[in-house]
Amino acid sequence: MKIKIYAIGHLKEAYLKQGINEYLERLKPYAQVEIIEVNDESVVDNPSQKEIDIAKDKEGQRVLKLLKNNEYLIGLDLVNKQPTSPEFAKYLEDKFVLGGSSISFVIGGSYGLSDELKKRCQDRIGLSNMTFLHQMTRLILLEQIYRAFKINRNEVYHK
């Protein structure tokens, strides 16, 4: 199984890199995981909605250029669909069937996903109603993917 994670913005924080590398290592027996970082767009302090939309559109175009036509894409977004860990495990299992054992996720920048990128996604899910630094989302997603594999294989993993 193959998982791609498109992430807008580059990680700078060593503690997040360490956590991400830990989960990438844990996931090796279950899936080949690739993280593709895409440049985020600089915006001024207190940007207008128009400036935010322009930045999101540019970021979205960078991701769209990298996608293959048949790539099954799941956007992480602030939507009502926020699965529990067991629901996410089942969801992931089902998506691997639809995606032909290969699925991709996209994590937006500070202001989220562009409208065009949202339209390209076959599905969108939310991780929580809480707000996280978008850099932390990578670590949270990887942990939940790892947990999903453990659940789906009835393997022990702490609660």
N, C-alpha and C. Protein backbone atom coordinates (compact mmCIF):
# COMPACT_ATOMS: atom_id res chain seq x y z
N MET A 1 0.84 -1.17 0.00
CA MET A 1 0.00 0.00 0.00
C MET A 1 0.88 1.24 0.00
N LYS A 2 0.42 2.26 -0.71
CA LYS A 2 1.17 3.50 -0.82
C LYS A 2 0.30 4.66 -0.36
N ILE A 3 0.93 5.55 0.40
CA ILE A 3 0.25 6.75 0.88
C ILE A 3 1.15 7.94 0.56
N LYS A 4 0.55 8.93 -0.09
CA LYS A 4 1.25 10.20 -0.31
C LYS A 4 0.55 11.25 0.54
N ILE A 5 1.35 12.12 1.12
CA ILE A 5 0.81 13.25 1.86
C ILE A 5 1.41 14.51 1.25
N TYR A 6 0.56 15.30 0.62
CA TYR A 6 0.98 16.59 0.10
C TYR A 6 0.76 17.61 1.21
N ALA A 7 1.82 18.30 1.58
CA ALA A 7 1.74 19.26 2.68
C ALA A 7 2.22 20.62 2.21
N ILE A 8 1.37 21.60 2.36
CA ILE A 8 1.75 22.96 1.97
C ILE A 8 2.53 23.58 3.12
N GLY A 9 3.73 24.01 2.81
CA GLY A 9 4.63 24.58 3.81
C GLY A 9 5.72 23.59 4.20
N HIS A 10 6.82 24.11 4.67
CA HIS A 10 7.97 23.30 5.06
C HIS A 10 8.09 23.27 6.58
N LEU A 11 8.40 22.11 7.11
CA LEU A 11 8.58 21.97 8.55
C LEU A 11 9.93 22.53 8.96
N LYS A 12 9.94 23.29 10.04
CA LYS A 12 11.18 23.83 10.58
C LYS A 12 11.43 23.30 11.99
N GLU A 13 10.38 22.93 12.69
CA GLU A 13 10.47 22.55 14.09
C GLU A 13 11.05 21.14 14.23
N ALA A 14 12.18 21.04 14.95
CA ALA A 14 12.87 19.76 15.12
C ALA A 14 12.00 18.74 15.84
N TYR A 15 11.23 19.17 16.83
CA TYR A 15 10.41 18.23 17.58
C TYR A 15 9.32 17.60 16.71
N LEU A 16 8.78 18.34 15.76
CA LEU A 16 7.78 17.79 14.85
C LEU A 16 8.44 16.83 13.86
N LYS A 17 9.62 17.20 13.35
CA LYS A 17 10.34 16.31 12.45
C LYS A 17 10.65 14.98 13.13
N GLN A 18 11.04 15.05 14.40
CA GLN A 18 11.36 13.84 15.15
C GLN A 18 10.12 12.94 15.29
N GLY A 19 9.00 13.53 15.64
CA GLY A 19 7.76 12.76 15.77
C GLY A 19 7.32 12.17 14.44
N ILE A 20 7.41 12.95 13.39
CA ILE A 20 7.03 12.48 12.05
C ILE A 20 7.92 11.32 11.63
N ASN A 21 9.21 11.45 11.85
CA ASN A 21 10.13 10.37 11.49
C ASN A 21 9.84 9.10 12.30
N GLU A 22 9.44 9.26 13.54
CA GLU A 22 9.08 8.10 14.37
C GLU A 22 7.90 7.35 13.74
N TYR A 23 6.86 8.07 13.34
CA TYR A 23 5.69 7.41 12.76
C TYR A 23 5.95 6.89 11.35
N LEU A 24 6.79 7.57 10.59
CA LEU A 24 7.17 7.04 9.28
C LEU A 24 7.87 5.69 9.44
N GLU A 25 8.71 5.58 10.45
CA GLU A 25 9.41 4.31 10.73
C GLU A 25 8.41 3.24 11.18
N ARG A 26 7.48 3.60 12.05
CA ARG A 26 6.47 2.65 12.52
C ARG A 26 5.57 2.16 11.39
N LEU A 27 5.35 3.00 10.40
CA LEU A 27 4.46 2.64 9.30
C LEU A 27 5.11 1.76 8.23
N LYS A 28 6.42 1.62 8.25
CA LYS A 28 7.12 0.85 7.21
C LYS A 28 6.59 -0.56 7.01
N PRO A 29 6.22 -1.30 8.07
CA PRO A 29 5.70 -2.66 7.82
C PRO A 29 4.32 -2.67 7.14
N TYR A 30 3.61 -1.54 7.16
CA TYR A 30 2.24 -1.48 6.68
C TYR A 30 2.08 -0.80 5.33
N ALA A 31 2.87 0.24 5.10
CA ALA A 31 2.68 1.03 3.88
C ALA A 31 3.93 1.82 3.55
N GLN A 32 4.04 2.14 2.29
CA GLN A 32 5.09 3.06 1.83
C GLN A 32 4.49 4.46 1.89
N VAL A 33 5.08 5.32 2.73
CA VAL A 33 4.54 6.66 2.94
C VAL A 33 5.53 7.69 2.42
N GLU A 34 5.01 8.62 1.63
CA GLU A 34 5.83 9.69 1.08
C GLU A 34 5.18 11.02 1.42
N ILE A 35 5.99 11.93 1.95
CA ILE A 35 5.51 13.30 2.23
C ILE A 35 6.14 14.23 1.21
N ILE A 36 5.28 14.97 0.53
CA ILE A 36 5.73 15.91 -0.49
C ILE A 36 5.39 17.31 0.01
N GLU A 37 6.43 18.07 0.29
CA GLU A 37 6.23 19.45 0.75
C GLU A 37 6.14 20.38 -0.45
N VAL A 38 5.20 21.30 -0.36
CA VAL A 38 4.96 22.28 -1.41
C VAL A 38 5.11 23.66 -0.77
N ASN A 39 5.78 24.56 -1.46
CA ASN A 39 5.99 25.90 -0.91
C ASN A 39 4.67 26.57 -0.56
N ASP A 40 4.65 27.19 0.62
CA ASP A 40 3.50 28.00 0.97
C ASP A 40 3.72 29.41 0.44
N GLU A 41 2.68 30.19 0.46
CA GLU A 41 2.71 31.54 -0.09
C GLU A 41 2.80 32.54 1.06
N SER A 42 3.71 33.48 0.94
CA SER A 42 3.84 34.52 1.96
C SER A 42 2.66 35.50 1.85
N VAL A 43 2.15 35.89 3.01
CA VAL A 43 1.11 36.92 3.04
C VAL A 43 1.50 37.96 4.08
N VAL A 44 0.99 39.15 3.89
CA VAL A 44 1.27 40.24 4.82
C VAL A 44 0.53 40.00 6.14
N ASP A 45 0.96 40.68 7.20
CA ASP A 45 0.21 40.61 8.45
C ASP A 45 -1.18 41.19 8.24
N ASN A 46 -2.16 40.59 8.85
CA ASN A 46 -3.56 41.01 8.72
C ASN A 46 -3.99 41.12 7.25
N PRO A 47 -3.88 40.02 6.51
CA PRO A 47 -4.24 40.07 5.09
C PRO A 47 -5.75 40.21 4.88
N SER A 48 -6.12 40.78 3.75
CA SER A 48 -7.53 40.85 3.37
C SER A 48 -7.97 39.47 2.89
N GLN A 49 -9.27 39.28 2.77
CA GLN A 49 -9.77 38.00 2.26
C GLN A 49 -9.28 37.75 0.84
N LYS A 50 -9.18 38.81 0.06
CA LYS A 50 -8.69 38.67 -1.31
C LYS A 50 -7.24 38.18 -1.32
N GLU A 51 -6.41 38.73 -0.44
CA GLU A 51 -5.00 38.31 -0.36
C GLU A 51 -4.90 36.85 0.10
N ILE A 52 -5.77 36.45 1.01
CA ILE A 52 -5.80 35.07 1.48
C ILE A 52 -6.20 34.14 0.33
N ASP A 53 -7.23 34.52 -0.40
CA ASP A 53 -7.70 33.70 -1.51
C ASP A 53 -6.63 33.55 -2.59
N ILE A 54 -5.91 34.63 -2.88
CA ILE A 54 -4.84 34.58 -3.87
C ILE A 54 -3.74 33.62 -3.41
N ALA A 55 -3.37 33.70 -2.13
CA ALA A 55 -2.34 32.81 -1.59
C ALA A 55 -2.79 31.35 -1.66
N LYS A 56 -4.03 31.08 -1.26
CA LYS A 56 -4.55 29.70 -1.31
C LYS A 56 -4.58 29.19 -2.74
N ASP A 57 -4.98 30.04 -3.68
CA ASP A 57 -5.03 29.63 -5.09
C ASP A 57 -3.63 29.26 -5.61
N LYS A 58 -2.63 30.06 -5.26
CA LYS A 58 -1.26 29.76 -5.70
C LYS A 58 -0.77 28.45 -5.09
N GLU A 59 -1.04 28.25 -3.81
CA GLU A 59 -0.64 27.00 -3.14
C GLU A 59 -1.36 25.82 -3.77
N GLY A 60 -2.64 25.98 -4.02
CA GLY A 60 -3.43 24.92 -4.63
C GLY A 60 -2.90 24.54 -6.00
N GLN A 61 -2.52 25.52 -6.79
CA GLN A 61 -1.99 25.26 -8.13
C GLN A 61 -0.69 24.45 -8.05
N ARG A 62 0.13 24.73 -7.03
CA ARG A 62 1.38 23.98 -6.87
C ARG A 62 1.10 22.50 -6.62
N VAL A 63 0.08 22.22 -5.81
CA VAL A 63 -0.28 20.82 -5.53
C VAL A 63 -0.91 20.19 -6.76
N LEU A 64 -1.83 20.89 -7.40
CA LEU A 64 -2.53 20.33 -8.56
C LEU A 64 -1.56 19.93 -9.67
N LYS A 65 -0.48 20.67 -9.84
CA LYS A 65 0.51 20.35 -10.87
C LYS A 65 1.21 19.02 -10.59
N LEU A 66 1.27 18.62 -9.33
CA LEU A 66 1.97 17.40 -8.94
C LEU A 66 1.10 16.15 -9.00
N LEU A 67 -0.21 16.33 -9.01
CA LEU A 67 -1.14 15.19 -8.94
C LEU A 67 -1.23 14.45 -10.27
N LYS A 68 -1.34 13.14 -10.15
CA LYS A 68 -1.63 12.32 -11.33
C LYS A 68 -3.15 12.31 -11.53
N ASN A 69 -3.60 12.11 -12.76
CA ASN A 69 -5.03 12.14 -13.07
C ASN A 69 -5.85 11.14 -12.26
N ASN A 70 -5.30 9.95 -12.04
CA ASN A 70 -6.05 8.89 -11.35
C ASN A 70 -5.78 8.85 -9.84
N GLU A 71 -5.08 9.82 -9.33
CA GLU A 71 -4.72 9.83 -7.91
C GLU A 71 -5.96 10.09 -7.04
N TYR A 72 -6.21 9.17 -6.10
CA TYR A 72 -7.35 9.32 -5.18
C TYR A 72 -6.91 10.28 -4.07
N LEU A 73 -7.54 11.45 -4.00
CA LEU A 73 -7.11 12.52 -3.12
C LEU A 73 -8.14 12.81 -2.04
N ILE A 74 -7.66 12.83 -0.81
CA ILE A 74 -8.48 13.15 0.36
C ILE A 74 -7.95 14.44 0.96
N GLY A 75 -8.79 15.45 1.02
CA GLY A 75 -8.39 16.73 1.60
C GLY A 75 -8.67 16.77 3.08
N LEU A 76 -7.72 17.29 3.83
CA LEU A 76 -7.95 17.53 5.25
C LEU A 76 -8.47 18.96 5.36
N ASP A 77 -9.66 19.06 5.88
CA ASP A 77 -10.37 20.32 5.81
C ASP A 77 -11.29 20.45 7.02
N LEU A 78 -11.75 21.62 7.27
CA LEU A 78 -12.70 21.84 8.36
C LEU A 78 -14.09 21.50 7.85
N VAL A 79 -14.42 20.23 7.89
CA VAL A 79 -15.73 19.76 7.44
C VAL A 79 -16.38 18.98 8.58
N ASN A 80 -17.66 18.69 8.42
CA ASN A 80 -18.39 18.00 9.47
C ASN A 80 -17.97 16.55 9.65
N LYS A 81 -17.42 15.93 8.62
CA LYS A 81 -17.04 14.52 8.70
C LYS A 81 -15.73 14.41 9.50
N GLN A 82 -15.86 14.07 10.78
CA GLN A 82 -14.71 13.92 11.65
C GLN A 82 -14.79 12.54 12.30
N PRO A 83 -14.17 11.56 11.68
CA PRO A 83 -14.32 10.19 12.16
C PRO A 83 -13.59 9.93 13.47
N THR A 84 -14.10 8.96 14.22
CA THR A 84 -13.36 8.45 15.37
C THR A 84 -12.21 7.61 14.81
N SER A 85 -11.31 7.18 15.67
CA SER A 85 -10.20 6.34 15.19
C SER A 85 -10.69 5.03 14.57
N PRO A 86 -11.63 4.30 15.19
CA PRO A 86 -12.13 3.09 14.53
C PRO A 86 -12.85 3.40 13.20
N GLU A 87 -13.58 4.50 13.15
CA GLU A 87 -14.24 4.88 11.89
C GLU A 87 -13.20 5.22 10.83
N PHE A 88 -12.14 5.91 11.22
CA PHE A 88 -11.07 6.25 10.28
C PHE A 88 -10.37 4.99 9.78
N ALA A 89 -10.19 4.01 10.65
CA ALA A 89 -9.57 2.74 10.24
C ALA A 89 -10.41 2.07 9.14
N LYS A 90 -11.70 2.02 9.34
CA LYS A 90 -12.60 1.44 8.35
C LYS A 90 -12.60 2.28 7.06
N TYR A 91 -12.64 3.58 7.22
CA TYR A 91 -12.61 4.53 6.10
C TYR A 91 -11.35 4.30 5.27
N LEU A 92 -10.21 4.20 5.94
CA LEU A 92 -8.94 4.01 5.24
C LEU A 92 -8.92 2.68 4.49
N GLU A 93 -9.40 1.65 5.14
CA GLU A 93 -9.49 0.34 4.50
C GLU A 93 -10.34 0.41 3.23
N ASP A 94 -11.48 1.07 3.33
CA ASP A 94 -12.37 1.23 2.17
C ASP A 94 -11.72 2.06 1.06
N LYS A 95 -11.01 3.10 1.43
CA LYS A 95 -10.39 3.99 0.43
C LYS A 95 -9.25 3.28 -0.29
N PHE A 96 -8.55 2.37 0.38
CA PHE A 96 -7.51 1.61 -0.31
C PHE A 96 -8.11 0.75 -1.40
N VAL A 97 -9.32 0.25 -1.18
CA VAL A 97 -10.00 -0.53 -2.22
C VAL A 97 -10.34 0.38 -3.40
N LEU A 98 -10.92 1.54 -3.12
CA LEU A 98 -11.29 2.49 -4.18
C LEU A 98 -10.08 3.04 -4.91
N GLY A 99 -9.03 3.32 -4.14
CA GLY A 99 -7.85 3.96 -4.72
C GLY A 99 -6.85 2.99 -5.30
N GLY A 100 -7.17 1.71 -5.32
CA GLY A 100 -6.25 0.74 -5.89
C GLY A 100 -4.97 0.58 -5.10
N SER A 101 -5.07 0.49 -3.80
CA SER A 101 -3.97 0.34 -2.84
C SER A 101 -3.04 1.55 -2.80
N SER A 102 -3.50 2.67 -3.30
CA SER A 102 -2.73 3.90 -3.25
C SER A 102 -3.69 5.06 -3.03
N ILE A 103 -3.44 5.83 -1.98
CA ILE A 103 -4.26 7.01 -1.71
C ILE A 103 -3.36 8.18 -1.34
N SER A 104 -3.90 9.36 -1.49
CA SER A 104 -3.16 10.57 -1.17
C SER A 104 -4.00 11.48 -0.29
N PHE A 105 -3.31 12.21 0.56
CA PHE A 105 -3.93 13.22 1.41
C PHE A 105 -3.31 14.56 1.04
N VAL A 106 -4.04 15.63 1.25
CA VAL A 106 -3.48 16.96 1.09
C VAL A 106 -3.81 17.78 2.34
N ILE A 107 -2.76 18.41 2.88
CA ILE A 107 -2.88 19.28 4.05
C ILE A 107 -2.65 20.70 3.57
N GLY A 108 -3.62 21.56 3.78
CA GLY A 108 -3.51 22.94 3.33
C GLY A 108 -2.52 23.75 4.14
N GLY A 109 -2.29 24.95 3.68
CA GLY A 109 -1.44 25.89 4.40
C GLY A 109 -2.20 26.52 5.55
N SER A 110 -1.69 27.61 6.04
CA SER A 110 -2.28 28.29 7.20
C SER A 110 -3.74 28.66 7.01
N TYR A 111 -4.14 28.94 5.78
CA TYR A 111 -5.51 29.37 5.50
C TYR A 111 -6.37 28.28 4.87
N GLY A 112 -5.83 27.07 4.78
CA GLY A 112 -6.63 25.97 4.27
C GLY A 112 -6.38 25.68 2.80
N LEU A 113 -7.33 24.97 2.21
CA LEU A 113 -7.24 24.53 0.82
C LEU A 113 -7.96 25.50 -0.11
N SER A 114 -7.44 25.65 -1.31
CA SER A 114 -8.12 26.48 -2.31
C SER A 114 -9.40 25.78 -2.76
N ASP A 115 -10.33 26.54 -3.31
CA ASP A 115 -11.58 25.97 -3.81
C ASP A 115 -11.31 24.95 -4.91
N GLU A 116 -10.37 25.26 -5.81
CA GLU A 116 -10.06 24.34 -6.90
C GLU A 116 -9.48 23.03 -6.38
N LEU A 117 -8.63 23.10 -5.36
CA LEU A 117 -8.06 21.90 -4.78
C LEU A 117 -9.14 21.08 -4.06
N LYS A 118 -10.05 21.77 -3.39
CA LYS A 118 -11.17 21.06 -2.74
C LYS A 118 -12.00 20.31 -3.77
N LYS A 119 -12.23 20.93 -4.92
CA LYS A 119 -13.02 20.28 -5.98
C LYS A 119 -12.31 19.05 -6.53
N ARG A 120 -10.99 19.07 -6.54
CA ARG A 120 -10.20 17.94 -7.06
C ARG A 120 -10.22 16.74 -6.10
N CYS A 121 -10.46 17.00 -4.83
CA CYS A 121 -10.50 15.93 -3.84
C CYS A 121 -11.73 15.05 -4.05
N GLN A 122 -11.52 13.75 -3.99
CA GLN A 122 -12.65 12.83 -4.05
C GLN A 122 -13.40 12.81 -2.73
N ASP A 123 -12.71 13.19 -1.67
CA ASP A 123 -13.33 13.22 -0.34
C ASP A 123 -12.58 14.21 0.52
N ARG A 124 -13.23 14.66 1.57
CA ARG A 124 -12.58 15.55 2.54
C ARG A 124 -12.99 15.11 3.93
N ILE A 125 -12.03 15.14 4.83
CA ILE A 125 -12.32 14.81 6.23
C ILE A 125 -11.67 15.86 7.12
N GLY A 126 -12.18 15.95 8.34
CA GLY A 126 -11.60 16.81 9.35
C GLY A 126 -11.02 15.96 10.46
N LEU A 127 -9.96 16.45 11.07
CA LEU A 127 -9.36 15.72 12.19
C LEU A 127 -10.00 16.10 13.51
N SER A 128 -10.50 17.32 13.60
CA SER A 128 -11.06 17.80 14.86
C SER A 128 -11.73 19.14 14.63
N ASN A 129 -12.59 19.51 15.56
CA ASN A 129 -13.14 20.87 15.55
C ASN A 129 -12.12 21.87 16.12
N MET A 130 -11.11 21.34 16.78
CA MET A 130 -10.07 22.22 17.32
C MET A 130 -9.18 22.73 16.20
N THR A 131 -8.50 23.82 16.45
CA THR A 131 -7.57 24.37 15.49
C THR A 131 -6.16 23.94 15.89
N PHE A 132 -5.41 23.39 14.91
CA PHE A 132 -4.03 23.00 15.13
C PHE A 132 -3.13 23.82 14.21
N LEU A 133 -1.87 23.97 14.60
CA LEU A 133 -0.90 24.49 13.65
C LEU A 133 -0.90 23.54 12.46
N HIS A 134 -0.91 24.06 11.25
CA HIS A 134 -1.00 23.14 10.13
C HIS A 134 0.22 22.23 10.06
N GLN A 135 1.38 22.65 10.63
CA GLN A 135 2.55 21.78 10.65
C GLN A 135 2.30 20.56 11.55
N MET A 136 1.52 20.72 12.62
CA MET A 136 1.23 19.61 13.53
C MET A 136 0.31 18.58 12.88
N THR A 137 -0.45 19.02 11.91
CA THR A 137 -1.42 18.14 11.26
C THR A 137 -0.74 16.91 10.65
N ARG A 138 0.47 17.10 10.13
CA ARG A 138 1.20 15.95 9.56
C ARG A 138 1.42 14.86 10.60
N LEU A 139 1.87 15.26 11.76
CA LEU A 139 2.13 14.30 12.83
C LEU A 139 0.84 13.63 13.29
N ILE A 140 -0.20 14.41 13.47
CA ILE A 140 -1.49 13.86 13.91
C ILE A 140 -2.03 12.89 12.86
N LEU A 141 -1.95 13.25 11.59
CA LEU A 141 -2.43 12.37 10.52
C LEU A 141 -1.63 11.06 10.50
N LEU A 142 -0.31 11.16 10.58
CA LEU A 142 0.52 9.95 10.55
C LEU A 142 0.20 9.04 11.73
N GLU A 143 -0.02 9.62 12.90
CA GLU A 143 -0.36 8.80 14.07
C GLU A 143 -1.69 8.10 13.85
N GLN A 144 -2.65 8.79 13.29
CA GLN A 144 -3.96 8.18 13.05
C GLN A 144 -3.90 7.12 11.96
N ILE A 145 -3.07 7.31 10.96
CA ILE A 145 -2.89 6.28 9.93
C ILE A 145 -2.27 5.03 10.56
N TYR A 146 -1.26 5.24 11.38
CA TYR A 146 -0.62 4.11 12.07
C TYR A 146 -1.64 3.39 12.96
N ARG A 147 -2.40 4.16 13.71
CA ARG A 147 -3.43 3.58 14.58
C ARG A 147 -4.45 2.80 13.75
N ALA A 148 -4.81 3.31 12.59
CA ALA A 148 -5.78 2.64 11.72
C ALA A 148 -5.25 1.27 11.27
N PHE A 149 -3.99 1.22 10.89
CA PHE A 149 -3.42 -0.07 10.50
C PHE A 149 -3.45 -1.05 11.67
N LYS A 150 -3.11 -0.58 12.85
CA LYS A 150 -3.13 -1.45 14.04
C LYS A 150 -4.55 -1.95 14.31
N ILE A 151 -5.53 -1.06 14.22
CA ILE A 151 -6.93 -1.45 14.44
C ILE A 151 -7.36 -2.48 13.40
N ASN A 152 -7.07 -2.21 12.13
CA ASN A 152 -7.50 -3.09 11.05
C ASN A 152 -6.87 -4.47 11.12
N ARG A 153 -5.72 -4.57 11.76
CA ARG A 153 -5.04 -5.87 11.88
C ARG A 153 -5.21 -6.48 13.27
N ASN A 154 -6.07 -5.87 14.06
CA ASN A 154 -6.32 -6.35 15.43
C ASN A 154 -5.04 -6.46 16.25
N GLU A 155 -4.14 -5.53 16.03
CA GLU A 155 -2.88 -5.49 16.79
C GLU A 155 -3.02 -4.53 17.96
N VAL A 156 -2.30 -4.79 19.01
CA VAL A 156 -2.37 -3.97 20.22
C VAL A 156 -1.66 -2.62 19.98
N TYR A 157 -2.32 -1.58 20.38
CA TYR A 157 -1.76 -0.24 20.36
C TYR A 157 -2.40 0.52 21.49
N HIS A 158 -1.63 1.33 22.18
CA HIS A 158 -2.19 1.96 23.38
C HIS A 158 -3.34 2.88 23.04
N LYS A 159 -4.24 3.03 24.01
CA LYS A 159 -5.43 3.86 23.81
C LYS A 159 -5.21 5.25 24.33
